[in-house]
Amino acid sequence: MTKAQAWFERKFNFTFPVQQFPNLCIRLRGTPARLEEMMRGVSRDALIAKAENKWSAQEHAGHLGDLEPLWVARVDDFVGDKDTLTIADLANRKTDDANHNARESLAILAEFRAARFHLLDRIEKLRQFQPELLARTKLHPRLQEPMRLVDHLYFVAEHDDHHLARIWELTRT
């Protein structure tokens, strides 16, 4: 099996039409269910096992929830006057400090589901009342390229899938 490419090595192509918005929302809405299904029936030992001193499957799941406030902040950046999106903590201190392996996986999953639906509710309100925001651009601080709100949603969905792939690798090998 081929290993998932390192996240920071990824390149992105934001050339798809804004009309992909509904598809991206459905993809983002499905992440909690896919995560729950992937972790269902996996032993606690397997969920918290670390390979090569990297995050466990449960830490990857916790990381998805840890980033939801960043995704919401960036959505708010599109509404606001800033030229550049909110900067991420590239060291991932929040996830490293959270001690997700000491937590119950069901709590991690429930928190992620609630946070993700909060993000989607925020996006849906914007779509209803300010649809022009979907095409507004802001500079992504790490990629150093302009990103539309719809591109941001694609970026989040790709980030989700990256971590789901890692969880799959860790729990299925």
N, C-alpha and C. Protein backbone atom coordinates (compact mmCIF):
# COMPACT_ATOMS: atom_id res chain seq x y z
N MET A 1 0.85 -1.18 0.00
CA MET A 1 0.00 0.00 0.00
C MET A 1 0.89 1.24 0.00
N THR A 2 0.56 2.21 -0.80
CA THR A 2 1.29 3.47 -0.85
C THR A 2 0.91 4.32 0.35
N LYS A 3 1.91 4.94 0.98
CA LYS A 3 1.64 5.79 2.13
C LYS A 3 1.12 7.14 1.68
N ALA A 4 0.30 7.77 2.54
CA ALA A 4 -0.23 9.09 2.25
C ALA A 4 0.93 10.09 2.16
N GLN A 5 0.85 10.96 1.18
CA GLN A 5 1.87 12.00 1.00
C GLN A 5 1.86 12.95 2.19
N ALA A 6 3.02 13.42 2.60
CA ALA A 6 3.11 14.37 3.70
C ALA A 6 2.31 15.63 3.35
N TRP A 7 1.54 16.12 4.31
CA TRP A 7 0.64 17.25 4.06
C TRP A 7 1.38 18.47 3.53
N PHE A 8 2.49 18.81 4.12
CA PHE A 8 3.19 20.02 3.73
C PHE A 8 3.91 19.89 2.38
N GLU A 9 3.92 18.70 1.81
CA GLU A 9 4.47 18.51 0.47
C GLU A 9 3.41 18.66 -0.61
N ARG A 10 2.13 18.74 -0.20
CA ARG A 10 1.03 18.82 -1.15
C ARG A 10 1.04 20.14 -1.91
N LYS A 11 0.68 20.06 -3.18
CA LYS A 11 0.45 21.22 -4.03
C LYS A 11 -1.03 21.22 -4.39
N PHE A 12 -1.59 22.40 -4.58
CA PHE A 12 -3.01 22.50 -4.85
C PHE A 12 -3.26 23.29 -6.12
N ASN A 13 -4.31 22.91 -6.81
CA ASN A 13 -4.72 23.58 -8.03
C ASN A 13 -6.15 24.08 -7.83
N PHE A 14 -6.31 25.36 -7.70
CA PHE A 14 -7.62 25.96 -7.41
C PHE A 14 -8.23 26.54 -8.68
N THR A 15 -8.50 25.69 -9.65
CA THR A 15 -9.02 26.18 -10.92
C THR A 15 -10.45 25.72 -11.19
N PHE A 16 -11.06 25.02 -10.26
CA PHE A 16 -12.42 24.53 -10.48
C PHE A 16 -13.43 25.67 -10.29
N PRO A 17 -14.63 25.52 -10.82
CA PRO A 17 -15.62 26.60 -10.73
C PRO A 17 -16.23 26.72 -9.33
N VAL A 18 -16.70 27.90 -9.04
CA VAL A 18 -17.36 28.18 -7.75
C VAL A 18 -18.57 27.26 -7.57
N GLN A 19 -19.13 26.78 -8.66
CA GLN A 19 -20.30 25.91 -8.60
C GLN A 19 -20.01 24.57 -7.92
N GLN A 20 -18.76 24.30 -7.60
CA GLN A 20 -18.42 23.08 -6.84
C GLN A 20 -18.80 23.21 -5.37
N PHE A 21 -19.23 24.39 -4.97
CA PHE A 21 -19.57 24.65 -3.56
C PHE A 21 -20.48 23.57 -2.95
N PRO A 22 -21.62 23.22 -3.55
CA PRO A 22 -22.48 22.20 -2.91
C PRO A 22 -21.77 20.86 -2.73
N ASN A 23 -20.99 20.47 -3.72
CA ASN A 23 -20.26 19.19 -3.63
C ASN A 23 -19.28 19.22 -2.46
N LEU A 24 -18.60 20.35 -2.30
CA LEU A 24 -17.63 20.46 -1.20
C LEU A 24 -18.33 20.45 0.15
N CYS A 25 -19.47 21.09 0.24
CA CYS A 25 -20.22 21.07 1.50
C CYS A 25 -20.66 19.66 1.87
N ILE A 26 -21.11 18.89 0.88
CA ILE A 26 -21.51 17.51 1.14
C ILE A 26 -20.30 16.68 1.58
N ARG A 27 -19.18 16.90 0.93
CA ARG A 27 -17.95 16.18 1.30
C ARG A 27 -17.55 16.51 2.74
N LEU A 28 -17.60 17.80 3.10
CA LEU A 28 -17.25 18.21 4.47
C LEU A 28 -18.26 17.67 5.48
N ARG A 29 -19.52 17.64 5.12
CA ARG A 29 -20.56 17.12 6.02
C ARG A 29 -20.37 15.63 6.26
N GLY A 30 -19.80 14.92 5.30
CA GLY A 30 -19.61 13.49 5.44
C GLY A 30 -18.40 13.06 6.24
N THR A 31 -17.48 13.98 6.49
CA THR A 31 -16.25 13.58 7.20
C THR A 31 -16.52 12.99 8.57
N PRO A 32 -17.37 13.59 9.42
CA PRO A 32 -17.58 12.95 10.73
C PRO A 32 -18.08 11.51 10.62
N ALA A 33 -19.01 11.26 9.71
CA ALA A 33 -19.53 9.89 9.55
C ALA A 33 -18.44 8.94 9.07
N ARG A 34 -17.62 9.39 8.12
CA ARG A 34 -16.54 8.53 7.63
C ARG A 34 -15.54 8.24 8.74
N LEU A 35 -15.23 9.26 9.54
CA LEU A 35 -14.30 9.08 10.66
C LEU A 35 -14.87 8.10 11.68
N GLU A 36 -16.13 8.28 12.03
CA GLU A 36 -16.77 7.39 13.00
C GLU A 36 -16.78 5.95 12.50
N GLU A 37 -17.12 5.77 11.24
CA GLU A 37 -17.15 4.42 10.67
C GLU A 37 -15.76 3.79 10.68
N MET A 38 -14.76 4.59 10.36
CA MET A 38 -13.39 4.09 10.29
C MET A 38 -12.87 3.65 11.67
N MET A 39 -13.31 4.36 12.71
CA MET A 39 -12.81 4.05 14.05
C MET A 39 -13.67 3.01 14.78
N ARG A 40 -14.90 2.79 14.28
CA ARG A 40 -15.81 1.85 14.92
C ARG A 40 -15.21 0.45 14.91
N GLY A 41 -15.24 -0.18 16.05
CA GLY A 41 -14.77 -1.56 16.15
C GLY A 41 -13.27 -1.72 16.26
N VAL A 42 -12.52 -0.62 16.21
CA VAL A 42 -11.06 -0.70 16.36
C VAL A 42 -10.75 -0.65 17.86
N SER A 43 -9.90 -1.53 18.30
CA SER A 43 -9.58 -1.58 19.73
C SER A 43 -8.92 -0.29 20.19
N ARG A 44 -9.09 0.02 21.46
CA ARG A 44 -8.45 1.22 22.03
C ARG A 44 -6.93 1.15 21.84
N ASP A 45 -6.36 -0.03 22.06
CA ASP A 45 -4.91 -0.17 21.89
C ASP A 45 -4.47 0.19 20.48
N ALA A 46 -5.24 -0.24 19.49
CA ALA A 46 -4.90 0.07 18.10
C ALA A 46 -5.08 1.57 17.82
N LEU A 47 -6.10 2.17 18.41
CA LEU A 47 -6.36 3.60 18.18
C LEU A 47 -5.27 4.49 18.76
N ILE A 48 -4.68 4.09 19.87
CA ILE A 48 -3.71 4.96 20.53
C ILE A 48 -2.26 4.55 20.27
N ALA A 49 -2.07 3.49 19.49
CA ALA A 49 -0.70 3.04 19.18
C ALA A 49 0.00 4.07 18.29
N LYS A 50 1.24 4.38 18.65
CA LYS A 50 2.04 5.31 17.86
C LYS A 50 3.02 4.52 17.01
N ALA A 51 3.12 4.91 15.75
CA ALA A 51 4.09 4.29 14.85
C ALA A 51 5.17 5.32 14.53
N GLU A 52 6.41 4.91 14.66
CA GLU A 52 7.55 5.77 14.35
C GLU A 52 7.50 7.10 15.12
N ASN A 53 6.99 7.05 16.35
CA ASN A 53 6.90 8.22 17.23
C ASN A 53 6.09 9.36 16.61
N LYS A 54 5.11 9.02 15.77
CA LYS A 54 4.22 10.00 15.17
C LYS A 54 2.84 9.83 15.78
N TRP A 55 1.91 10.66 15.38
CA TRP A 55 0.57 10.61 15.96
C TRP A 55 -0.08 9.25 15.77
N SER A 56 -0.88 8.89 16.76
CA SER A 56 -1.71 7.69 16.69
C SER A 56 -2.95 8.02 15.86
N ALA A 57 -3.73 6.99 15.56
CA ALA A 57 -4.99 7.20 14.84
C ALA A 57 -5.90 8.14 15.63
N GLN A 58 -5.96 7.94 16.94
CA GLN A 58 -6.82 8.79 17.77
C GLN A 58 -6.32 10.23 17.80
N GLU A 59 -5.02 10.42 17.78
CA GLU A 59 -4.48 11.79 17.73
C GLU A 59 -4.79 12.45 16.39
N HIS A 60 -4.77 11.70 15.32
CA HIS A 60 -5.18 12.25 14.02
C HIS A 60 -6.64 12.68 14.08
N ALA A 61 -7.49 11.85 14.68
CA ALA A 61 -8.91 12.21 14.82
C ALA A 61 -9.06 13.47 15.67
N GLY A 62 -8.33 13.55 16.76
CA GLY A 62 -8.39 14.74 17.60
C GLY A 62 -7.90 15.97 16.87
N HIS A 63 -6.90 15.80 16.03
CA HIS A 63 -6.36 16.91 15.25
C HIS A 63 -7.42 17.51 14.33
N LEU A 64 -8.25 16.66 13.74
CA LEU A 64 -9.32 17.18 12.89
C LEU A 64 -10.20 18.16 13.68
N GLY A 65 -10.55 17.79 14.89
CA GLY A 65 -11.34 18.70 15.73
C GLY A 65 -10.56 19.92 16.16
N ASP A 66 -9.28 19.74 16.42
CA ASP A 66 -8.45 20.86 16.85
C ASP A 66 -8.40 21.97 15.81
N LEU A 67 -8.51 21.62 14.53
CA LEU A 67 -8.39 22.63 13.48
C LEU A 67 -9.70 23.31 13.11
N GLU A 68 -10.81 22.83 13.60
CA GLU A 68 -12.08 23.46 13.25
C GLU A 68 -12.13 24.96 13.58
N PRO A 69 -11.60 25.41 14.72
CA PRO A 69 -11.60 26.86 14.97
C PRO A 69 -10.79 27.65 13.93
N LEU A 70 -9.72 27.06 13.41
CA LEU A 70 -8.95 27.72 12.35
C LEU A 70 -9.79 27.84 11.09
N TRP A 71 -10.48 26.77 10.72
CA TRP A 71 -11.29 26.82 9.50
C TRP A 71 -12.38 27.88 9.62
N VAL A 72 -13.01 27.97 10.79
CA VAL A 72 -14.05 28.99 11.00
C VAL A 72 -13.43 30.39 10.96
N ALA A 73 -12.27 30.55 11.58
CA ALA A 73 -11.59 31.86 11.56
C ALA A 73 -11.29 32.27 10.12
N ARG A 74 -10.88 31.32 9.31
CA ARG A 74 -10.58 31.65 7.92
C ARG A 74 -11.85 31.98 7.13
N VAL A 75 -12.94 31.31 7.42
CA VAL A 75 -14.21 31.69 6.80
C VAL A 75 -14.53 33.13 7.18
N ASP A 76 -14.36 33.45 8.45
CA ASP A 76 -14.60 34.83 8.90
C ASP A 76 -13.65 35.82 8.24
N ASP A 77 -12.44 35.38 7.91
CA ASP A 77 -11.50 36.25 7.20
C ASP A 77 -12.06 36.67 5.84
N PHE A 78 -12.79 35.78 5.19
CA PHE A 78 -13.37 36.12 3.90
C PHE A 78 -14.45 37.19 4.04
N VAL A 79 -15.10 37.21 5.17
CA VAL A 79 -16.12 38.22 5.44
C VAL A 79 -15.45 39.55 5.78
N GLY A 80 -14.34 39.49 6.49
CA GLY A 80 -13.67 40.68 6.99
C GLY A 80 -12.80 41.35 5.95
N ASP A 81 -12.04 42.30 6.43
CA ASP A 81 -11.24 43.17 5.58
C ASP A 81 -9.80 42.70 5.38
N LYS A 82 -9.40 41.65 6.06
CA LYS A 82 -8.01 41.20 5.98
C LYS A 82 -7.66 40.73 4.57
N ASP A 83 -6.42 40.94 4.18
CA ASP A 83 -5.94 40.46 2.87
C ASP A 83 -5.43 39.02 2.94
N THR A 84 -4.99 38.61 4.14
CA THR A 84 -4.38 37.30 4.33
C THR A 84 -5.21 36.49 5.32
N LEU A 85 -5.32 35.21 5.07
CA LEU A 85 -6.05 34.31 5.97
C LEU A 85 -5.28 34.12 7.28
N THR A 86 -6.02 33.78 8.31
CA THR A 86 -5.44 33.51 9.63
C THR A 86 -4.35 32.45 9.50
N ILE A 87 -3.25 32.69 10.18
CA ILE A 87 -2.10 31.79 10.12
C ILE A 87 -2.33 30.57 11.00
N ALA A 88 -1.98 29.42 10.49
CA ALA A 88 -2.07 28.17 11.25
C ALA A 88 -0.82 27.99 12.09
N ASP A 89 -0.97 27.26 13.18
CA ASP A 89 0.19 26.85 13.97
C ASP A 89 0.79 25.62 13.29
N LEU A 90 1.82 25.83 12.50
CA LEU A 90 2.39 24.74 11.71
C LEU A 90 3.09 23.68 12.57
N ALA A 91 3.35 23.99 13.83
CA ALA A 91 3.93 23.00 14.74
C ALA A 91 2.86 22.11 15.37
N ASN A 92 1.60 22.47 15.18
CA ASN A 92 0.47 21.69 15.71
C ASN A 92 0.54 21.50 17.22
N ARG A 93 0.91 22.54 17.94
CA ARG A 93 1.02 22.46 19.40
C ARG A 93 -0.30 22.06 20.06
N LYS A 94 -1.42 22.56 19.53
CA LYS A 94 -2.71 22.24 20.14
C LYS A 94 -2.94 20.74 20.18
N THR A 95 -2.64 20.07 19.08
CA THR A 95 -2.83 18.62 19.04
C THR A 95 -1.82 17.91 19.93
N ASP A 96 -0.58 18.34 19.88
CA ASP A 96 0.45 17.71 20.72
C ASP A 96 0.15 17.89 22.20
N ASP A 97 -0.40 19.04 22.58
CA ASP A 97 -0.69 19.32 23.99
C ASP A 97 -2.01 18.72 24.47
N ALA A 98 -2.88 18.32 23.56
CA ALA A 98 -4.24 17.90 23.93
C ALA A 98 -4.29 16.54 24.61
N ASN A 99 -3.28 15.71 24.44
CA ASN A 99 -3.26 14.37 25.02
C ASN A 99 -4.51 13.58 24.62
N HIS A 100 -4.78 13.57 23.32
CA HIS A 100 -5.98 12.88 22.81
C HIS A 100 -5.98 11.40 23.14
N ASN A 101 -4.82 10.79 23.30
CA ASN A 101 -4.80 9.35 23.61
C ASN A 101 -5.35 9.05 25.00
N ALA A 102 -5.39 10.03 25.88
CA ALA A 102 -5.93 9.83 27.22
C ALA A 102 -7.45 10.03 27.25
N ARG A 103 -8.01 10.48 26.16
CA ARG A 103 -9.44 10.78 26.09
C ARG A 103 -10.23 9.59 25.53
N GLU A 104 -11.51 9.65 25.71
CA GLU A 104 -12.39 8.65 25.12
C GLU A 104 -12.60 9.00 23.65
N SER A 105 -12.48 8.02 22.77
CA SER A 105 -12.63 8.28 21.34
C SER A 105 -14.03 8.81 21.01
N LEU A 106 -15.06 8.34 21.73
CA LEU A 106 -16.42 8.81 21.46
C LEU A 106 -16.55 10.31 21.73
N ALA A 107 -15.85 10.81 22.73
CA ALA A 107 -15.88 12.25 23.02
C ALA A 107 -15.20 13.04 21.91
N ILE A 108 -14.09 12.53 21.42
CA ILE A 108 -13.37 13.19 20.32
C ILE A 108 -14.26 13.24 19.08
N LEU A 109 -14.91 12.13 18.78
CA LEU A 109 -15.78 12.07 17.61
C LEU A 109 -16.97 13.01 17.74
N ALA A 110 -17.58 13.05 18.93
CA ALA A 110 -18.74 13.93 19.14
C ALA A 110 -18.34 15.40 19.04
N GLU A 111 -17.20 15.75 19.60
CA GLU A 111 -16.74 17.14 19.53
C GLU A 111 -16.44 17.55 18.09
N PHE A 112 -15.83 16.64 17.34
CA PHE A 112 -15.54 16.96 15.94
C PHE A 112 -16.83 17.14 15.15
N ARG A 113 -17.78 16.24 15.33
CA ARG A 113 -19.06 16.34 14.62
C ARG A 113 -19.73 17.69 14.92
N ALA A 114 -19.78 18.07 16.19
CA ALA A 114 -20.43 19.35 16.56
C ALA A 114 -19.68 20.53 15.96
N ALA A 115 -18.36 20.51 16.02
CA ALA A 115 -17.57 21.62 15.48
C ALA A 115 -17.71 21.69 13.96
N ARG A 116 -17.73 20.57 13.29
CA ARG A 116 -17.86 20.56 11.83
C ARG A 116 -19.23 21.11 11.42
N PHE A 117 -20.26 20.73 12.13
CA PHE A 117 -21.58 21.23 11.77
C PHE A 117 -21.70 22.72 12.06
N HIS A 118 -20.98 23.20 13.06
CA HIS A 118 -20.91 24.66 13.30
C HIS A 118 -20.29 25.35 12.09
N LEU A 119 -19.18 24.81 11.58
CA LEU A 119 -18.53 25.37 10.39
C LEU A 119 -19.50 25.37 9.21
N LEU A 120 -20.18 24.26 8.98
CA LEU A 120 -21.09 24.17 7.85
C LEU A 120 -22.28 25.10 7.99
N ASP A 121 -22.79 25.27 9.20
CA ASP A 121 -23.87 26.23 9.41
C ASP A 121 -23.41 27.64 9.09
N ARG A 122 -22.19 27.98 9.48
CA ARG A 122 -21.64 29.31 9.19
C ARG A 122 -21.53 29.52 7.68
N ILE A 123 -21.04 28.53 6.98
CA ILE A 123 -20.88 28.62 5.53
C ILE A 123 -22.24 28.74 4.85
N GLU A 124 -23.20 27.97 5.30
CA GLU A 124 -24.54 28.01 4.69
C GLU A 124 -25.18 29.38 4.86
N LYS A 125 -25.02 30.00 6.02
CA LYS A 125 -25.56 31.34 6.23
C LYS A 125 -24.91 32.34 5.28
N LEU A 126 -23.61 32.20 5.08
CA LEU A 126 -22.93 33.09 4.14
C LEU A 126 -23.45 32.90 2.73
N ARG A 127 -23.61 31.64 2.34
CA ARG A 127 -24.10 31.35 0.99
C ARG A 127 -25.48 31.97 0.76
N GLN A 128 -26.32 31.90 1.79
CA GLN A 128 -27.67 32.44 1.66
C GLN A 128 -27.68 33.96 1.57
N PHE A 129 -26.87 34.61 2.39
CA PHE A 129 -26.97 36.06 2.52
C PHE A 129 -25.85 36.83 1.81
N GLN A 130 -24.74 36.16 1.51
CA GLN A 130 -23.62 36.82 0.84
C GLN A 130 -22.97 35.85 -0.16
N PRO A 131 -23.71 35.41 -1.18
CA PRO A 131 -23.15 34.40 -2.09
C PRO A 131 -21.90 34.87 -2.84
N GLU A 132 -21.71 36.17 -2.97
CA GLU A 132 -20.52 36.68 -3.65
C GLU A 132 -19.23 36.33 -2.91
N LEU A 133 -19.35 36.00 -1.61
CA LEU A 133 -18.16 35.64 -0.84
C LEU A 133 -17.49 34.36 -1.33
N LEU A 134 -18.23 33.49 -1.98
CA LEU A 134 -17.66 32.22 -2.44
C LEU A 134 -16.49 32.45 -3.41
N ALA A 135 -16.52 33.56 -4.13
CA ALA A 135 -15.47 33.84 -5.11
C ALA A 135 -14.46 34.87 -4.62
N ARG A 136 -14.68 35.43 -3.44
CA ARG A 136 -13.72 36.41 -2.89
C ARG A 136 -12.40 35.73 -2.59
N THR A 137 -11.30 36.42 -2.85
CA THR A 137 -9.99 35.82 -2.61
C THR A 137 -9.25 36.49 -1.46
N LYS A 138 -8.47 35.67 -0.79
CA LYS A 138 -7.54 36.09 0.27
C LYS A 138 -6.25 35.30 0.06
N LEU A 139 -5.17 35.82 0.55
CA LEU A 139 -3.89 35.14 0.43
C LEU A 139 -3.77 34.05 1.49
N HIS A 140 -3.44 32.84 1.06
CA HIS A 140 -3.16 31.76 2.01
C HIS A 140 -1.74 31.96 2.52
N PRO A 141 -1.52 32.06 3.83
CA PRO A 141 -0.20 32.43 4.35
C PRO A 141 0.92 31.44 4.10
N ARG A 142 0.63 30.15 4.12
CA ARG A 142 1.69 29.16 3.87
C ARG A 142 1.90 28.92 2.39
N LEU A 143 0.81 28.77 1.65
CA LEU A 143 0.92 28.49 0.22
C LEU A 143 1.36 29.71 -0.58
N GLN A 144 1.14 30.89 -0.01
CA GLN A 144 1.48 32.15 -0.67
C GLN A 144 0.83 32.27 -2.05
N GLU A 145 -0.46 31.92 -2.08
CA GLU A 145 -1.23 32.09 -3.29
C GLU A 145 -2.66 32.48 -2.92
N PRO A 146 -3.34 33.19 -3.83
CA PRO A 146 -4.71 33.58 -3.54
C PRO A 146 -5.62 32.35 -3.48
N MET A 147 -6.59 32.45 -2.61
CA MET A 147 -7.52 31.35 -2.40
C MET A 147 -8.92 31.95 -2.26
N ARG A 148 -9.86 31.38 -3.01
CA ARG A 148 -11.27 31.78 -2.85
C ARG A 148 -11.86 31.02 -1.66
N LEU A 149 -12.99 31.48 -1.18
CA LEU A 149 -13.66 30.75 -0.09
C LEU A 149 -13.95 29.32 -0.52
N VAL A 150 -14.39 29.12 -1.74
CA VAL A 150 -14.66 27.76 -2.21
C VAL A 150 -13.37 26.94 -2.25
N ASP A 151 -12.23 27.58 -2.53
CA ASP A 151 -10.94 26.88 -2.49
C ASP A 151 -10.58 26.49 -1.06
N HIS A 152 -10.90 27.38 -0.13
CA HIS A 152 -10.65 27.07 1.28
C HIS A 152 -11.41 25.81 1.69
N LEU A 153 -12.65 25.69 1.25
CA LEU A 153 -13.44 24.50 1.58
C LEU A 153 -12.82 23.24 0.97
N TYR A 154 -12.31 23.36 -0.23
CA TYR A 154 -11.61 22.24 -0.87
C TYR A 154 -10.37 21.88 -0.06
N PHE A 155 -9.63 22.89 0.37
CA PHE A 155 -8.42 22.69 1.18
C PHE A 155 -8.77 21.93 2.47
N VAL A 156 -9.85 22.33 3.13
CA VAL A 156 -10.29 21.65 4.35
C VAL A 156 -10.66 20.20 4.04
N ALA A 157 -11.39 19.98 2.97
CA ALA A 157 -11.79 18.62 2.61
C ALA A 157 -10.57 17.74 2.30
N GLU A 158 -9.58 18.31 1.62
CA GLU A 158 -8.35 17.57 1.34
C GLU A 158 -7.58 17.26 2.62
N HIS A 159 -7.59 18.23 3.55
CA HIS A 159 -6.94 18.02 4.85
C HIS A 159 -7.64 16.89 5.60
N ASP A 160 -8.97 16.90 5.59
CA ASP A 160 -9.73 15.81 6.21
C ASP A 160 -9.30 14.47 5.63
N ASP A 161 -9.31 14.39 4.30
CA ASP A 161 -9.00 13.12 3.65
C ASP A 161 -7.56 12.67 3.92
N HIS A 162 -6.66 13.63 4.03
CA HIS A 162 -5.27 13.28 4.37
C HIS A 162 -5.24 12.54 5.71
N HIS A 163 -5.92 13.09 6.71
CA HIS A 163 -5.89 12.47 8.04
C HIS A 163 -6.72 11.19 8.09
N LEU A 164 -7.80 11.12 7.33
CA LEU A 164 -8.55 9.87 7.26
C LEU A 164 -7.68 8.77 6.65
N ALA A 165 -6.90 9.12 5.64
CA ALA A 165 -5.99 8.14 5.03
C ALA A 165 -4.95 7.66 6.04
N ARG A 166 -4.43 8.57 6.83
CA ARG A 166 -3.44 8.18 7.85
C ARG A 166 -4.09 7.26 8.89
N ILE A 167 -5.31 7.61 9.31
CA ILE A 167 -6.02 6.76 10.28
C ILE A 167 -6.24 5.37 9.70
N TRP A 168 -6.63 5.33 8.44
CA TRP A 168 -6.84 4.04 7.76
C TRP A 168 -5.54 3.22 7.77
N GLU A 169 -4.45 3.88 7.41
CA GLU A 169 -3.15 3.19 7.40
C GLU A 169 -2.80 2.64 8.78
N LEU A 170 -3.02 3.45 9.80
CA LEU A 170 -2.63 3.06 11.16
C LEU A 170 -3.52 1.97 11.74
N THR A 171 -4.78 1.94 11.36
CA THR A 171 -5.70 0.97 11.96
C THR A 171 -5.87 -0.28 11.10
N ARG A 172 -5.36 -0.28 9.90
CA ARG A 172 -5.56 -1.43 9.01
C ARG A 172 -4.27 -2.17 8.70
N THR A 173 -3.16 -1.77 9.33
CA THR A 173 -1.91 -2.48 9.05
C THR A 173 -1.47 -3.28 10.25
